[in-house]
Amino acid sequence: MPFAIRTADKPGLQELRNKLQQAHLDYLDSQLGILLAAGSLRSDDNTQATGGIPIVDVEDRAAAERFIDNDPFAKGGLFAEIKVDRWRKAYFDKKRFI
C-alpha cells in the first residue's frame, strides 16, 4: 500500500543536507523496489531544499516509518518533522487513475 512521507528540514541546516546528500541518494537508489516517487521541497526562489516527499509502496505504516527512519537525512538529524500518510494515486504523470 502506498504511503506519502512529508519531511521538513530544521532551519539553518543546508550544510548538513549537502553533506548527507550523496548518502541519501544512494539510500534511495537502494530502495527503488518500493519507491514510487521522490523529490525535494524547495524554497520559493528554488535556491535551497526545505524538506522532501518520498512516496513508497510498502506493506504497512510501520514499513513506511522504517523506510524514512533509515534515510541518512533522518539518521543525521536533518528533519524537524516527519509526517506519514496513506496515499491513493488519483492523478499521476498527466493521467487519471480513478
Protein backbone atom coordinates (compact mmCIF):
# COMPACT_ATOMS: atom_id res chain seq x y z
CA MET A 1 0.00 0.00 0.00
CA PRO A 2 1.34 3.44 -0.87
CA PHE A 3 2.39 5.97 1.77
CA ALA A 4 3.38 9.58 1.20
CA ILE A 5 6.02 10.83 3.59
CA ARG A 6 6.48 14.57 4.02
CA THR A 7 9.61 15.81 5.72
CA ALA A 8 10.56 19.32 6.83
CA ASP A 9 14.18 20.25 7.42
CA LYS A 10 15.32 22.02 10.55
CA PRO A 11 16.13 25.64 9.69
CA GLY A 12 19.72 26.57 9.00
CA LEU A 13 20.98 23.08 8.19
CA GLN A 14 21.64 23.42 4.45
CA GLU A 15 25.29 22.50 5.03
CA LEU A 16 24.24 19.27 6.80
CA ARG A 17 21.85 18.48 3.93
CA ASN A 18 24.67 18.99 1.43
CA LYS A 19 26.99 16.76 3.47
CA LEU A 20 24.41 13.93 3.63
CA GLN A 21 23.07 14.32 0.06
CA GLN A 22 25.09 11.55 -1.62
CA ALA A 23 24.34 9.03 1.15
CA HIS A 24 20.64 9.99 0.89
CA LEU A 25 20.63 9.44 -2.89
CA ASP A 26 22.48 6.14 -2.51
CA TYR A 27 19.85 5.06 0.03
CA LEU A 28 17.00 5.98 -2.33
CA ASP A 29 18.74 4.07 -5.14
CA SER A 30 18.87 1.02 -2.86
CA GLN A 31 15.10 1.31 -2.29
CA LEU A 32 13.94 1.51 -5.93
CA GLY A 33 11.84 -1.63 -5.45
CA ILE A 34 9.46 0.26 -3.15
CA LEU A 35 10.00 3.88 -4.23
CA LEU A 36 7.15 5.22 -6.38
CA ALA A 37 8.33 8.84 -6.44
CA ALA A 38 10.57 11.20 -4.50
CA GLY A 39 11.75 14.77 -4.63
CA SER A 40 12.76 17.72 -2.54
CA LEU A 41 10.54 20.55 -1.40
CA ARG A 42 12.12 23.86 -2.38
CA SER A 43 12.20 27.47 -1.27
CA ASP A 44 10.10 29.78 -3.47
CA ASP A 45 13.25 31.07 -5.17
CA ASN A 46 14.43 27.46 -5.70
CA THR A 47 17.79 28.14 -4.06
CA GLN A 48 17.53 25.53 -1.32
CA ALA A 49 15.71 22.40 -0.27
CA THR A 50 13.38 22.69 2.71
CA GLY A 51 12.28 19.06 3.01
CA GLY A 52 11.06 16.27 0.78
CA ILE A 53 8.28 13.92 -0.27
CA PRO A 54 9.06 10.28 -0.95
CA ILE A 55 6.13 8.02 -1.85
CA VAL A 56 6.71 4.35 -1.08
CA ASP A 57 4.74 1.18 -1.73
CA VAL A 58 5.15 -0.97 1.40
CA GLU A 59 3.10 -3.47 3.40
CA ASP A 60 2.08 -1.13 6.24
CA ARG A 61 2.71 2.13 8.12
CA ALA A 62 5.48 0.53 10.20
CA ALA A 63 7.41 -0.27 7.00
CA ALA A 64 6.98 3.31 5.75
CA GLU A 65 8.27 4.59 9.09
CA ARG A 66 11.25 2.20 8.91
CA PHE A 67 11.98 3.47 5.41
CA ILE A 68 12.20 7.10 6.50
CA ASP A 69 13.94 6.31 9.80
CA ASN A 70 16.73 4.61 7.83
CA ASP A 71 17.23 7.54 5.47
CA PRO A 72 20.63 9.18 6.11
CA PHE A 73 18.87 12.56 6.35
CA ALA A 74 16.79 11.24 9.28
CA LYS A 75 19.74 9.45 10.89
CA GLY A 76 21.83 12.61 10.54
CA GLY A 77 19.29 14.78 12.36
CA LEU A 78 18.20 16.93 9.40
CA PHE A 79 14.44 16.66 9.87
CA ALA A 80 12.37 18.87 12.15
CA GLU A 81 9.20 16.98 11.21
CA ILE A 82 8.17 13.75 9.52
CA LYS A 83 4.56 13.02 8.55
CA VAL A 84 3.49 9.63 7.14
CA ASP A 85 0.09 9.28 5.42
CA ARG A 86 -1.65 6.60 3.38
CA TRP A 87 -1.78 7.72 -0.24
CA ARG A 88 -4.05 6.79 -3.14
CA LYS A 89 -2.95 7.55 -6.67
CA ALA A 90 -5.67 9.53 -8.43
CA TYR A 91 -3.68 11.52 -10.98
CA PHE A 92 -0.09 10.86 -11.91
CA ASP A 93 2.13 11.62 -14.90
CA LYS A 94 -0.70 13.51 -16.65
CA LYS A 95 -3.05 10.53 -16.33
CA ARG A 96 -6.17 9.84 -14.27
CA PHE A 97 -6.33 6.58 -12.33
CA ILE A 98 -9.71 6.74 -10.58
